Amino acid sequence: MIDHFGINCADIEAAKAFYDKVLGTLGFTRQMDFGVAVGYGPEGHADFWISAMPDIGPNREIHVAFTATDAEHVRAFHAAATEIDAETLHAPRLWPEYHDRYYGAFVRDPDGNNVEAVCHSGDGS
């Protein structure tokens, strides 16, 4: 339902490095780059934007969930994030309180946002 959304970042270069790495595991890449604003998404469409607006500062913590194709991609997302020292909020696992096939992992981005990768097809076992 969301067409696109954006967040403000305190350190745009750190945010670019984080999102390049973790979104790459889900098949999303930079689609537009204006230096202080970068749009990510599937080929030809920028759905998620990060930007640096010096007079605003980072937003309060938000939660962003990115769709993963399957559990393997959720695990790759988490591995990529921890490889660059992102804090793990919740390691990859099933979340039966949401539904019996909800599989997700949650990490913090460089600005403290709660970023998730989720699939709805179980844990792949």
PDB file of N, CA and C in Angstrom:
ATOM      1  N   MET A   1       0.804  -1.198   0.000  1.00  0.00           N
ATOM      2  CA  MET A   1       0.000   0.000   0.000  1.00  0.00           C
ATOM      3  C   MET A   1       0.849   1.265   0.000  1.00  0.00           C
ATOM      4  N   ILE A   2       2.035   1.186   0.552  1.00  0.00           N
ATOM      5  CA  ILE A   2       2.889   2.371   0.594  1.00  0.00           C
ATOM      6  C   ILE A   2       3.560   2.543  -0.757  1.00  0.00           C
ATOM      7  N   ASP A   3       3.426   3.713  -1.351  1.00  0.00           N
ATOM      8  CA  ASP A   3       4.085   3.989  -2.626  1.00  0.00           C
ATOM      9  C   ASP A   3       5.561   4.246  -2.415  1.00  0.00           C
ATOM     10  N   HIS A   4       5.878   5.137  -1.484  1.00  0.00           N
ATOM     11  CA  HIS A   4       7.266   5.382  -1.111  1.00  0.00           C
ATOM     12  C   HIS A   4       7.283   6.114   0.221  1.00  0.00           C
ATOM     13  N   PHE A   5       8.412   6.085   0.891  1.00  0.00           N
ATOM     14  CA  PHE A   5       8.567   6.823   2.141  1.00  0.00           C
ATOM     15  C   PHE A   5      10.035   7.142   2.325  1.00  0.00           C
ATOM     16  N   GLY A   6      10.319   8.075   3.224  1.00  0.00           N
ATOM     17  CA  GLY A   6      11.695   8.472   3.450  1.00  0.00           C
ATOM     18  C   GLY A   6      11.959   8.752   4.908  1.00  0.00           C
ATOM     19  N   ILE A   7      13.219   8.647   5.263  1.00  0.00           N
ATOM     20  CA  ILE A   7      13.658   8.976   6.613  1.00  0.00           C
ATOM     21  C   ILE A   7      14.836   9.936   6.516  1.00  0.00           C
ATOM     22  N   ASN A   8      15.015  10.748   7.540  1.00  0.00           N
ATOM     23  CA  ASN A   8      16.143  11.649   7.619  1.00  0.00           C
ATOM     24  C   ASN A   8      17.262  10.974   8.400  1.00  0.00           C
ATOM     25  N   CYS A   9      18.506  11.183   7.984  1.00  0.00           N
ATOM     26  CA  CYS A   9      19.659  10.512   8.587  1.00  0.00           C
ATOM     27  C   CYS A   9      20.672  11.533   9.085  1.00  0.00           C
ATOM     28  N   ALA A  10      21.279  11.257  10.219  1.00  0.00           N
ATOM     29  CA  ALA A  10      22.299  12.146  10.763  1.00  0.00           C
ATOM     30  C   ALA A  10      23.585  12.081   9.942  1.00  0.00           C
ATOM     31  N   ASP A  11      23.948  10.891   9.479  1.00  0.00           N
ATOM     32  CA  ASP A  11      25.173  10.684   8.703  1.00  0.00           C
ATOM     33  C   ASP A  11      24.789   9.968   7.409  1.00  0.00           C
ATOM     34  N   ILE A  12      24.636  10.717   6.338  1.00  0.00           N
ATOM     35  CA  ILE A  12      24.147  10.149   5.084  1.00  0.00           C
ATOM     36  C   ILE A  12      25.094   9.082   4.538  1.00  0.00           C
ATOM     37  N   GLU A  13      26.400   9.249   4.705  1.00  0.00           N
ATOM     38  CA  GLU A  13      27.348   8.253   4.198  1.00  0.00           C
ATOM     39  C   GLU A  13      27.231   6.938   4.959  1.00  0.00           C
ATOM     40  N   ALA A  14      27.083   7.008   6.284  1.00  0.00           N
ATOM     41  CA  ALA A  14      26.882   5.783   7.076  1.00  0.00           C
ATOM     42  C   ALA A  14      25.562   5.119   6.702  1.00  0.00           C
ATOM     43  N   ALA A  15      24.533   5.920   6.483  1.00  0.00           N
ATOM     44  CA  ALA A  15      23.224   5.377   6.099  1.00  0.00           C
ATOM     45  C   ALA A  15      23.298   4.721   4.723  1.00  0.00           C
ATOM     46  N   LYS A  16      23.997   5.355   3.776  1.00  0.00           N
ATOM     47  CA  LYS A  16      24.154   4.757   2.444  1.00  0.00           C
ATOM     48  C   LYS A  16      24.850   3.403   2.536  1.00  0.00           C
ATOM     49  N   ALA A  17      25.932   3.337   3.299  1.00  0.00           N
ATOM     50  CA  ALA A  17      26.675   2.084   3.440  1.00  0.00           C
ATOM     51  C   ALA A  17      25.783   1.002   4.054  1.00  0.00           C
ATOM     52  N   PHE A  18      25.021   1.350   5.081  1.00  0.00           N
ATOM     53  CA  PHE A  18      24.120   0.402   5.737  1.00  0.00           C
ATOM     54  C   PHE A  18      23.059  -0.097   4.767  1.00  0.00           C
ATOM     55  N   TYR A  19      22.330   0.814   4.131  1.00  0.00           N
ATOM     56  CA  TYR A  19      21.226   0.408   3.257  1.00  0.00           C
ATOM     57  C   TYR A  19      21.709  -0.232   1.952  1.00  0.00           C
ATOM     58  N   ASP A  20      22.863   0.187   1.419  1.00  0.00           N
ATOM     59  CA  ASP A  20      23.429  -0.513   0.258  1.00  0.00           C
ATOM     60  C   ASP A  20      23.619  -1.986   0.589  1.00  0.00           C
ATOM     61  N   LYS A  21      24.174  -2.254   1.743  1.00  0.00           N
ATOM     62  CA  LYS A  21      24.514  -3.628   2.137  1.00  0.00           C
ATOM     63  C   LYS A  21      23.265  -4.444   2.452  1.00  0.00           C
ATOM     64  N   VAL A  22      22.431  -3.954   3.369  1.00  0.00           N
ATOM     65  CA  VAL A  22      21.312  -4.794   3.817  1.00  0.00           C
ATOM     66  C   VAL A  22      20.199  -4.893   2.781  1.00  0.00           C
ATOM     67  N   LEU A  23      19.910  -3.821   2.056  1.00  0.00           N
ATOM     68  CA  LEU A  23      18.852  -3.912   1.042  1.00  0.00           C
ATOM     69  C   LEU A  23      19.311  -4.703  -0.177  1.00  0.00           C
ATOM     70  N   GLY A  24      20.617  -4.720  -0.410  1.00  0.00           N
ATOM     71  CA  GLY A  24      21.152  -5.527  -1.504  1.00  0.00           C
ATOM     72  C   GLY A  24      20.837  -7.004  -1.333  1.00  0.00           C
ATOM     73  N   THR A  25      20.793  -7.465  -0.088  1.00  0.00           N
ATOM     74  CA  THR A  25      20.478  -8.874   0.158  1.00  0.00           C
ATOM     75  C   THR A  25      19.037  -9.207  -0.206  1.00  0.00           C
ATOM     76  N   LEU A  26      18.179  -8.192  -0.283  1.00  0.00           N
ATOM     77  CA  LEU A  26      16.769  -8.389  -0.619  1.00  0.00           C
ATOM     78  C   LEU A  26      16.488  -8.083  -2.086  1.00  0.00           C
ATOM     79  N   GLY A  27      17.538  -7.745  -2.838  1.00  0.00           N
ATOM     80  CA  GLY A  27      17.378  -7.466  -4.259  1.00  0.00           C
ATOM     81  C   GLY A  27      17.059  -6.016  -4.579  1.00  0.00           C
ATOM     82  N   PHE A  28      17.213  -5.120  -3.595  1.00  0.00           N
ATOM     83  CA  PHE A  28      16.941  -3.697  -3.820  1.00  0.00           C
ATOM     84  C   PHE A  28      18.264  -2.947  -3.918  1.00  0.00           C
ATOM     85  N   THR A  29      18.317  -1.949  -4.807  1.00  0.00           N
ATOM     86  CA  THR A  29      19.533  -1.174  -5.021  1.00  0.00           C
ATOM     87  C   THR A  29      19.206   0.312  -5.097  1.00  0.00           C
ATOM     88  N   ARG A  30      20.263   1.114  -5.126  1.00  0.00           N
ATOM     89  CA  ARG A  30      20.085   2.561  -5.324  1.00  0.00           C
ATOM     90  C   ARG A  30      19.498   2.787  -6.709  1.00  0.00           C
ATOM     91  N   GLN A  31      18.405   3.503  -6.752  1.00  0.00           N
ATOM     92  CA  GLN A  31      17.780   3.836  -8.031  1.00  0.00           C
ATOM     93  C   GLN A  31      18.034   5.289  -8.408  1.00  0.00           C
ATOM     94  N   MET A  32      18.175   6.149  -7.411  1.00  0.00           N
ATOM     95  CA  MET A  32      18.496   7.560  -7.629  1.00  0.00           C
ATOM     96  C   MET A  32      19.412   8.000  -6.507  1.00  0.00           C
ATOM     97  N   ASP A  33      20.371   8.858  -6.831  1.00  0.00           N
ATOM     98  CA  ASP A  33      21.307   9.351  -5.824  1.00  0.00           C
ATOM     99  C   ASP A  33      21.592  10.818  -6.097  1.00  0.00           C
ATOM    100  N   PHE A  34      21.099  11.660  -5.210  1.00  0.00           N
ATOM    101  CA  PHE A  34      21.311  13.101  -5.324  1.00  0.00           C
ATOM    102  C   PHE A  34      22.306  13.596  -4.279  1.00  0.00           C
ATOM    103  N   GLY A  35      23.121  12.688  -3.737  1.00  0.00           N
ATOM    104  CA  GLY A  35      24.102  13.061  -2.722  1.00  0.00           C
ATOM    105  C   GLY A  35      23.499  13.135  -1.339  1.00  0.00           C
ATOM    106  N   VAL A  36      22.600  14.095  -1.128  1.00  0.00           N
ATOM    107  CA  VAL A  36      21.947  14.244   0.180  1.00  0.00           C
ATOM    108  C   VAL A  36      20.606  13.526   0.239  1.00  0.00           C
ATOM    109  N   ALA A  37      20.208  12.884  -0.852  1.00  0.00           N
ATOM    110  CA  ALA A  37      18.978  12.093  -0.894  1.00  0.00           C
ATOM    111  C   ALA A  37      19.198  10.907  -1.832  1.00  0.00           C
ATOM    112  N   VAL A  38      18.875   9.710  -1.345  1.00  0.00           N
ATOM    113  CA  VAL A  38      19.078   8.487  -2.115  1.00  0.00           C
ATOM    114  C   VAL A  38      17.794   7.670  -2.084  1.00  0.00           C
ATOM    115  N   GLY A  39      17.365   7.213  -3.266  1.00  0.00           N
ATOM    116  CA  GLY A  39      16.171   6.381  -3.365  1.00  0.00           C
ATOM    117  C   GLY A  39      16.535   4.945  -3.692  1.00  0.00           C
ATOM    118  N   TYR A  40      15.964   4.008  -2.938  1.00  0.00           N
ATOM    119  CA  TYR A  40      16.207   2.573  -3.118  1.00  0.00           C
ATOM    120  C   TYR A  40      14.934   1.877  -3.564  1.00  0.00           C
ATOM    121  N   GLY A  41      15.109   0.766  -4.265  1.00  0.00           N
ATOM    122  CA  GLY A  41      13.961  -0.041  -4.650  1.00  0.00           C
ATOM    123  C   GLY A  41      14.334  -1.077  -5.673  1.00  0.00           C
ATOM    124  N   PRO A  42      13.309  -1.700  -6.272  1.00  0.00           N
ATOM    125  CA  PRO A  42      13.565  -2.616  -7.373  1.00  0.00           C
ATOM    126  C   PRO A  42      13.919  -1.804  -8.609  1.00  0.00           C
ATOM    127  N   GLU A  43      14.415  -2.454  -9.618  1.00  0.00           N
ATOM    128  CA  GLU A  43      14.837  -1.768 -10.844  1.00  0.00           C
ATOM    129  C   GLU A  43      13.761  -0.813 -11.347  1.00  0.00           C
ATOM    130  N   GLY A  44      14.152   0.459 -11.515  1.00  0.00           N
ATOM    131  CA  GLY A  44      13.268   1.454 -12.097  1.00  0.00           C
ATOM    132  C   GLY A  44      12.301   2.145 -11.163  1.00  0.00           C
ATOM    133  N   HIS A  45      12.369   1.860  -9.854  1.00  0.00           N
ATOM    134  CA  HIS A  45      11.402   2.471  -8.938  1.00  0.00           C
ATOM    135  C   HIS A  45      12.034   2.705  -7.573  1.00  0.00           C
ATOM    136  N   ALA A  46      12.040   3.937  -7.116  1.00  0.00           N
ATOM    137  CA  ALA A  46      12.572   4.275  -5.790  1.00  0.00           C
ATOM    138  C   ALA A  46      11.417   4.318  -4.786  1.00  0.00           C
ATOM    139  N   ASP A  47      11.352   3.311  -3.912  1.00  0.00           N
ATOM    140  CA  ASP A  47      10.279   3.193  -2.926  1.00  0.00           C
ATOM    141  C   ASP A  47      10.667   3.733  -1.559  1.00  0.00           C
ATOM    142  N   PHE A  48      11.947   3.661  -1.238  1.00  0.00           N
ATOM    143  CA  PHE A  48      12.447   4.021   0.085  1.00  0.00           C
ATOM    144  C   PHE A  48      13.562   5.048  -0.073  1.00  0.00           C
ATOM    145  N   TRP A  49      13.441   6.161   0.633  1.00  0.00           N
ATOM    146  CA  TRP A  49      14.401   7.257   0.516  1.00  0.00           C
ATOM    147  C   TRP A  49      15.080   7.542   1.841  1.00  0.00           C
ATOM    148  N   ILE A  50      16.375   7.839   1.778  1.00  0.00           N
ATOM    149  CA  ILE A  50      17.108   8.366   2.926  1.00  0.00           C
ATOM    150  C   ILE A  50      17.612   9.740   2.519  1.00  0.00           C
ATOM    151  N   SER A  51      17.668  10.651   3.489  1.00  0.00           N
ATOM    152  CA  SER A  51      18.159  11.993   3.170  1.00  0.00           C
ATOM    153  C   SER A  51      18.826  12.614   4.382  1.00  0.00           C
ATOM    154  N   ALA A  52      19.635  13.632   4.099  1.00  0.00           N
ATOM    155  CA  ALA A  52      20.312  14.399   5.145  1.00  0.00           C
ATOM    156  C   ALA A  52      19.853  15.837   5.027  1.00  0.00           C
ATOM    157  N   MET A  53      19.058  16.261   5.960  1.00  0.00           N
ATOM    158  CA  MET A  53      18.590  17.639   6.025  1.00  0.00           C
ATOM    159  C   MET A  53      19.192  18.247   7.285  1.00  0.00           C
ATOM    160  N   PRO A  54      20.283  18.997   7.143  1.00  0.00           N
ATOM    161  CA  PRO A  54      21.055  19.427   8.308  1.00  0.00           C
ATOM    162  C   PRO A  54      20.274  20.202   9.360  1.00  0.00           C
ATOM    163  N   ASP A  55      19.241  20.912   8.987  1.00  0.00           N
ATOM    164  CA  ASP A  55      18.502  21.699   9.969  1.00  0.00           C
ATOM    165  C   ASP A  55      17.416  20.908  10.691  1.00  0.00           C
ATOM    166  N   ILE A  56      17.209  19.654  10.269  1.00  0.00           N
ATOM    167  CA  ILE A  56      16.130  18.859  10.862  1.00  0.00           C
ATOM    168  C   ILE A  56      16.656  17.864  11.889  1.00  0.00           C
ATOM    169  N   GLY A  57      17.764  17.196  11.607  1.00  0.00           N
ATOM    170  CA  GLY A  57      18.256  16.143  12.480  1.00  0.00           C
ATOM    171  C   GLY A  57      17.491  14.858  12.214  1.00  0.00           C
ATOM    172  N   PRO A  58      17.982  13.740  12.752  1.00  0.00           N
ATOM    173  CA  PRO A  58      17.299  12.475  12.508  1.00  0.00           C
ATOM    174  C   PRO A  58      15.931  12.451  13.179  1.00  0.00           C
ATOM    175  N   ASN A  59      15.035  11.694  12.610  1.00  0.00           N
ATOM    176  CA  ASN A  59      13.702  11.530  13.188  1.00  0.00           C
ATOM    177  C   ASN A  59      13.783  10.646  14.416  1.00  0.00           C
ATOM    178  N   ARG A  60      12.697  10.641  15.191  1.00  0.00           N
ATOM    179  CA  ARG A  60      12.634   9.677  16.280  1.00  0.00           C
ATOM    180  C   ARG A  60      12.623   8.286  15.661  1.00  0.00           C
ATOM    181  N   GLU A  61      12.842   7.279  16.467  1.00  0.00           N
ATOM    182  CA  GLU A  61      12.877   5.911  15.944  1.00  0.00           C
ATOM    183  C   GLU A  61      11.605   5.573  15.181  1.00  0.00           C
ATOM    184  N   ILE A  62      11.799   4.974  14.024  1.00  0.00           N
ATOM    185  CA  ILE A  62      10.673   4.451  13.256  1.00  0.00           C
ATOM    186  C   ILE A  62      10.901   2.964  13.027  1.00  0.00           C
ATOM    187  N   HIS A  63       9.853   2.274  12.632  1.00  0.00           N
ATOM    188  CA  HIS A  63       9.961   0.864  12.262  1.00  0.00           C
ATOM    189  C   HIS A  63       9.668   0.748  10.782  1.00  0.00           C
ATOM    190  N   VAL A  64      10.589   0.111  10.060  1.00  0.00           N
ATOM    191  CA  VAL A  64      10.437  -0.116   8.630  1.00  0.00           C
ATOM    192  C   VAL A  64      10.609  -1.608   8.387  1.00  0.00           C
ATOM    193  N   ALA A  65       9.630  -2.224   7.729  1.00  0.00           N
ATOM    194  CA  ALA A  65       9.735  -3.644   7.383  1.00  0.00           C
ATOM    195  C   ALA A  65       9.840  -3.784   5.874  1.00  0.00           C
ATOM    196  N   PHE A  66      10.908  -4.438   5.436  1.00  0.00           N
ATOM    197  CA  PHE A  66      11.129  -4.683   4.018  1.00  0.00           C
ATOM    198  C   PHE A  66      10.751  -6.124   3.697  1.00  0.00           C
ATOM    199  N   THR A  67      10.098  -6.321   2.566  1.00  0.00           N
ATOM    200  CA  THR A  67       9.689  -7.650   2.136  1.00  0.00           C
ATOM    201  C   THR A  67      10.891  -8.454   1.674  1.00  0.00           C
ATOM    202  N   ALA A  68      11.002  -9.667   2.187  1.00  0.00           N
ATOM    203  CA  ALA A  68      12.019 -10.617   1.737  1.00  0.00           C
ATOM    204  C   ALA A  68      11.312 -11.739   0.989  1.00  0.00           C
ATOM    205  N   THR A  69      11.980 -12.286  -0.001  1.00  0.00           N
ATOM    206  CA  THR A  69      11.413 -13.358  -0.801  1.00  0.00           C
ATOM    207  C   THR A  69      11.159 -14.612   0.021  1.00  0.00           C
ATOM    208  N   ASP A  70      12.111 -14.923   0.914  1.00  0.00           N
ATOM    209  CA  ASP A  70      12.013 -16.146   1.704  1.00  0.00           C
ATOM    210  C   ASP A  70      12.916 -16.016   2.929  1.00  0.00           C
ATOM    211  N   ALA A  71      12.931 -17.070   3.760  1.00  0.00           N
ATOM    212  CA  ALA A  71      13.710 -17.052   4.994  1.00  0.00           C
ATOM    213  C   ALA A  71      15.208 -16.895   4.738  1.00  0.00           C
ATOM    214  N   GLU A  72      15.695 -17.475   3.659  1.00  0.00           N
ATOM    215  CA  GLU A  72      17.112 -17.338   3.321  1.00  0.00           C
ATOM    216  C   GLU A  72      17.488 -15.864   3.155  1.00  0.00           C
ATOM    217  N   HIS A  73      16.627 -15.099   2.532  1.00  0.00           N
ATOM    218  CA  HIS A  73      16.897 -13.673   2.351  1.00  0.00           C
ATOM    219  C   HIS A  73      16.795 -12.909   3.669  1.00  0.00           C
ATOM    220  N   VAL A  74      15.904 -13.321   4.555  1.00  0.00           N
ATOM    221  CA  VAL A  74      15.831 -12.706   5.886  1.00  0.00           C
ATOM    222  C   VAL A  74      17.154 -12.938   6.616  1.00  0.00           C
ATOM    223  N   ARG A  75      17.646 -14.157   6.567  1.00  0.00           N
ATOM    224  CA  ARG A  75      18.919 -14.469   7.227  1.00  0.00           C
ATOM    225  C   ARG A  75      20.077 -13.706   6.587  1.00  0.00           C
ATOM    226  N   ALA A  76      20.080 -13.558   5.268  1.00  0.00           N
ATOM    227  CA  ALA A  76      21.134 -12.799   4.579  1.00  0.00           C
ATOM    228  C   ALA A  76      21.093 -11.328   4.987  1.00  0.00           C
ATOM    229  N   PHE A  77      19.900 -10.779   5.098  1.00  0.00           N
ATOM    230  CA  PHE A  77      19.720  -9.395   5.560  1.00  0.00           C
ATOM    231  C   PHE A  77      20.347  -9.229   6.947  1.00  0.00           C
ATOM    232  N   HIS A  78      20.007 -10.128   7.861  1.00  0.00           N
ATOM    233  CA  HIS A  78      20.534 -10.049   9.226  1.00  0.00           C
ATOM    234  C   HIS A  78      22.050 -10.203   9.233  1.00  0.00           C
ATOM    235  N   ALA A  79      22.569 -11.153   8.470  1.00  0.00           N
ATOM    236  CA  ALA A  79      24.024 -11.364   8.402  1.00  0.00           C
ATOM    237  C   ALA A  79      24.731 -10.135   7.858  1.00  0.00           C
ATOM    238  N   ALA A  80      24.175  -9.522   6.829  1.00  0.00           N
ATOM    239  CA  ALA A  80      24.788  -8.321   6.246  1.00  0.00           C
ATOM    240  C   ALA A  80      24.802  -7.183   7.263  1.00  0.00           C
ATOM    241  N   ALA A  81      23.726  -7.040   7.999  1.00  0.00           N
ATOM    242  CA  ALA A  81      23.640  -5.964   8.995  1.00  0.00           C
ATOM    243  C   ALA A  81      24.653  -6.186  10.121  1.00  0.00           C
ATOM    244  N   THR A  82      24.731  -7.398  10.635  1.00  0.00           N
ATOM    245  CA  THR A  82      25.657  -7.650  11.741  1.00  0.00           C
ATOM    246  C   THR A  82      27.111  -7.606  11.279  1.00  0.00           C
ATOM    247  N   GLU A  83      27.342  -7.907  10.012  1.00  0.00           N
ATOM    248  CA  GLU A  83      28.691  -7.826   9.454  1.00  0.00           C
ATOM    249  C   GLU A  83      29.218  -6.395   9.507  1.00  0.00           C
ATOM    250  N   ILE A  84      28.328  -5.424   9.430  1.00  0.00           N
ATOM    251  CA  ILE A  84      28.751  -4.019   9.517  1.00  0.00           C
ATOM    252  C   ILE A  84      28.395  -3.426  10.880  1.00  0.00           C
ATOM    253  N   ASP A  85      28.319  -4.305  11.890  1.00  0.00           N
ATOM    254  CA  ASP A  85      28.154  -3.941  13.301  1.00  0.00           C
ATOM    255  C   ASP A  85      26.826  -3.282  13.654  1.00  0.00           C
ATOM    256  N   ALA A  86      25.774  -3.566  12.896  1.00  0.00           N
ATOM    257  CA  ALA A  86      24.449  -3.083  13.296  1.00  0.00           C
ATOM    258  C   ALA A  86      24.002  -3.877  14.520  1.00  0.00           C
ATOM    259  N   GLU A  87      23.301  -3.212  15.408  1.00  0.00           N
ATOM    260  CA  GLU A  87      22.755  -3.875  16.590  1.00  0.00           C
ATOM    261  C   GLU A  87      21.606  -4.795  16.186  1.00  0.00           C
ATOM    262  N   THR A  88      21.633  -6.005  16.681  1.00  0.00           N
ATOM    263  CA  THR A  88      20.523  -6.928  16.468  1.00  0.00           C
ATOM    264  C   THR A  88      19.463  -6.664  17.527  1.00  0.00           C
ATOM    265  N   LEU A  89      18.252  -6.395  17.082  1.00  0.00           N
ATOM    266  CA  LEU A  89      17.123  -6.279  18.007  1.00  0.00           C
ATOM    267  C   LEU A  89      16.480  -7.646  18.210  1.00  0.00           C
ATOM    268  N   HIS A  90      16.312  -8.375  17.105  1.00  0.00           N
ATOM    269  CA  HIS A  90      15.779  -9.747  17.145  1.00  0.00           C
ATOM    270  C   HIS A  90      16.404 -10.522  15.997  1.00  0.00           C
ATOM    271  N   ALA A  91      17.112 -11.586  16.320  1.00  0.00           N
ATOM    272  CA  ALA A  91      17.701 -12.452  15.302  1.00  0.00           C
ATOM    273  C   ALA A  91      16.579 -13.110  14.492  1.00  0.00           C
ATOM    274  N   PRO A  92      16.903 -13.614  13.304  1.00  0.00           N
ATOM    275  CA  PRO A  92      15.879 -14.253  12.473  1.00  0.00           C
ATOM    276  C   PRO A  92      15.162 -15.382  13.217  1.00  0.00           C
ATOM    277  N   ARG A  93      13.834 -15.345  13.160  1.00  0.00           N
ATOM    278  CA  ARG A  93      13.036 -16.397  13.785  1.00  0.00           C
ATOM    279  C   ARG A  93      11.591 -16.286  13.328  1.00  0.00           C
ATOM    280  N   LEU A  94      10.841 -17.327  13.629  1.00  0.00           N
ATOM    281  CA  LEU A  94       9.396 -17.288  13.410  1.00  0.00           C
ATOM    282  C   LEU A  94       8.746 -16.426  14.492  1.00  0.00           C
ATOM    283  N   TRP A  95       7.710 -15.714  14.100  1.00  0.00           N
ATOM    284  CA  TRP A  95       6.939 -14.873  15.010  1.00  0.00           C
ATOM    285  C   TRP A  95       5.482 -15.351  14.978  1.00  0.00           C
ATOM    286  N   PRO A  96       5.172 -16.472  15.662  1.00  0.00           N
ATOM    287  CA  PRO A  96       3.824 -17.035  15.597  1.00  0.00           C
ATOM    288  C   PRO A  96       2.753 -16.117  16.174  1.00  0.00           C
ATOM    289  N   GLU A  97       3.151 -15.147  16.974  1.00  0.00           N
ATOM    290  CA  GLU A  97       2.168 -14.193  17.502  1.00  0.00           C
ATOM    291  C   GLU A  97       1.588 -13.304  16.394  1.00  0.00           C
ATOM    292  N   TYR A  98       2.312 -13.201  15.262  1.00  0.00           N
ATOM    293  CA  TYR A  98       1.803 -12.457  14.108  1.00  0.00           C
ATOM    294  C   TYR A  98       1.006 -13.392  13.204  1.00  0.00           C
ATOM    295  N   HIS A  99       1.635 -14.477  12.772  1.00  0.00           N
ATOM    296  CA  HIS A  99       0.961 -15.610  12.147  1.00  0.00           C
ATOM    297  C   HIS A  99       1.980 -16.735  12.025  1.00  0.00           C
ATOM    298  N   ASP A 100       1.532 -17.944  11.763  1.00  0.00           N
ATOM    299  CA  ASP A 100       2.402 -19.115  11.876  1.00  0.00           C
ATOM    300  C   ASP A 100       3.532 -19.181  10.855  1.00  0.00           C
ATOM    301  N   ARG A 101       3.521 -18.361   9.818  1.00  0.00           N
ATOM    302  CA  ARG A 101       4.589 -18.388   8.808  1.00  0.00           C
ATOM    303  C   ARG A 101       5.348 -17.053   8.728  1.00  0.00           C
ATOM    304  N   TYR A 102       5.146 -16.170   9.707  1.00  0.00           N
ATOM    305  CA  TYR A 102       5.824 -14.871   9.749  1.00  0.00           C
ATOM    306  C   TYR A 102       7.253 -15.095  10.233  1.00  0.00           C
ATOM    307  N   TYR A 103       8.237 -14.813   9.370  1.00  0.00           N
ATOM    308  CA  TYR A 103       9.647 -15.018   9.685  1.00  0.00           C
ATOM    309  C   TYR A 103      10.362 -13.693   9.487  1.00  0.00           C
ATOM    310  N   GLY A 104      10.957 -13.162  10.554  1.00  0.00           N
ATOM    311  CA  GLY A 104      11.581 -11.856  10.446  1.00  0.00           C
ATOM    312  C   GLY A 104      12.822 -11.700  11.296  1.00  0.00           C
ATOM    313  N   ALA A 105      13.596 -10.676  10.966  1.00  0.00           N
ATOM    314  CA  ALA A 105      14.775 -10.271  11.722  1.00  0.00           C
ATOM    315  C   ALA A 105      14.748  -8.751  11.830  1.00  0.00           C
ATOM    316  N   PHE A 106      15.162  -8.239  12.987  1.00  0.00           N
ATOM    317  CA  PHE A 106      15.110  -6.809  13.264  1.00  0.00           C
ATOM    318  C   PHE A 106      16.490  -6.315  13.681  1.00  0.00           C
ATOM    319  N   VAL A 107      16.933  -5.185  13.101  1.00  0.00           N
ATOM    320  CA  VAL A 107      18.220  -4.565  13.447  1.00  0.00           C
ATOM    321  C   VAL A 107      18.024  -3.058  13.568  1.00  0.00           C
ATOM    322  N   ARG A 108      19.045  -2.399  14.097  1.00  0.00           N
ATOM    323  CA  ARG A 108      19.044  -0.932  14.149  1.00  0.00           C
ATOM    324  C   ARG A 108      19.909  -0.404  13.016  1.00  0.00           C
ATOM    325  N   ASP A 109      19.416   0.633  12.329  1.00  0.00           N
ATOM    326  CA  ASP A 109      20.240   1.304  11.323  1.00  0.00           C
ATOM    327  C   ASP A 109      21.140   2.320  12.027  1.00  0.00           C
ATOM    328  N   PRO A 110      22.007   3.031  11.314  1.00  0.00           N
ATOM    329  CA  PRO A 110      22.941   3.966  11.962  1.00  0.00           C
ATOM    330  C   PRO A 110      22.258   5.103  12.730  1.00  0.00           C
ATOM    331  N   ASP A 111      20.988   5.390  12.447  1.00  0.00           N
ATOM    332  CA  ASP A 111      20.282   6.445  13.160  1.00  0.00           C
ATOM    333  C   ASP A 111      19.363   5.909  14.251  1.00  0.00           C
ATOM    334  N   GLY A 112      19.446   4.616  14.539  1.00  0.00           N
ATOM    335  CA  GLY A 112      18.664   4.040  15.621  1.00  0.00           C
ATOM    336  C   GLY A 112      17.287   3.555  15.236  1.00  0.00           C
ATOM    337  N   ASN A 113      16.969   3.553  13.933  1.00  0.00           N
ATOM    338  CA  ASN A 113      15.664   3.066  13.499  1.00  0.00           C
ATOM    339  C   ASN A 113      15.615   1.545  13.552  1.00  0.00           C
ATOM    340  N   ASN A 114      14.418   1.020  13.792  1.00  0.00           N
ATOM    341  CA  ASN A 114      14.161  -0.413  13.859  1.00  0.00           C
ATOM    342  C   ASN A 114      13.830  -0.885  12.448  1.00  0.00           C
ATOM    343  N   VAL A 115      14.754  -1.625  11.838  1.00  0.00           N
ATOM    344  CA  VAL A 115      14.617  -2.047  10.446  1.00  0.00           C
ATOM    345  C   VAL A 115      14.481  -3.573  10.419  1.00  0.00           C
ATOM    346  N   GLU A 116      13.461  -4.027   9.700  1.00  0.00           N
ATOM    347  CA  GLU A 116      13.130  -5.451   9.651  1.00  0.00           C
ATOM    348  C   GLU A 116      13.135  -5.968   8.227  1.00  0.00           C
ATOM    349  N   ALA A 117      13.508  -7.233   8.079  1.00  0.00           N
ATOM    350  CA  ALA A 117      13.254  -7.968   6.841  1.00  0.00           C
ATOM    351  C   ALA A 117      12.294  -9.087   7.221  1.00  0.00           C
ATOM    352  N   VAL A 118      11.247  -9.274   6.409  1.00  0.00           N
ATOM    353  CA  VAL A 118      10.218 -10.261   6.739  1.00  0.00           C
ATOM    354  C   VAL A 118       9.748 -11.003   5.494  1.00  0.00           C
ATOM    355  N   CYS A 119       9.493 -12.289   5.689  1.00  0.00           N
ATOM    356  CA  CYS A 119       8.807 -13.073   4.671  1.00  0.00           C
ATOM    357  C   CYS A 119       7.597 -13.726   5.338  1.00  0.00           C
ATOM    358  N   HIS A 120       6.666 -14.165   4.551  1.00  0.00           N
ATOM    359  CA  HIS A 120       5.433 -14.753   5.080  1.00  0.00           C
ATOM    360  C   HIS A 120       5.296 -16.204   4.655  1.00  0.00           C
ATOM    361  N   SER A 121       6.442 -16.872   4.486  1.00  0.00           N
ATOM    362  CA  SER A 121       6.442 -18.251   4.006  1.00  0.00           C
ATOM    363  C   SER A 121       7.137 -19.204   4.965  1.00  0.00           C
ATOM    364  N   GLY A 122       7.346 -18.798   6.205  1.00  0.00           N
ATOM    365  CA  GLY A 122       7.967 -19.663   7.186  1.00  0.00           C
ATOM    366  C   GLY A 122       9.477 -19.568   7.214  1.00  0.00           C
ATOM    367  N   ASP A 123      10.084 -20.477   7.948  1.00  0.00           N
ATOM    368  CA  ASP A 123      11.531 -20.413   8.166  1.00  0.00           C
ATOM    369  C   ASP A 123      12.354 -21.239   7.193  1.00  0.00           C
ATOM    370  N   GLY A 124      11.710 -21.850   6.226  1.00  0.00           N
ATOM    371  CA  GLY A 124      12.429 -22.595   5.203  1.00  0.00           C
ATOM    372  C   GLY A 124      12.831 -23.993   5.605  1.00  0.00           C
ATOM    373  N   SER A 125      12.410 -24.430   6.775  1.00  0.00           N
ATOM    374  CA  SER A 125      12.796 -25.796   7.208  1.00  0.00           C
ATOM    375  C   SER A 125      11.793 -26.826   6.754  1.00  0.00           C
TER     376      SER A 125
END
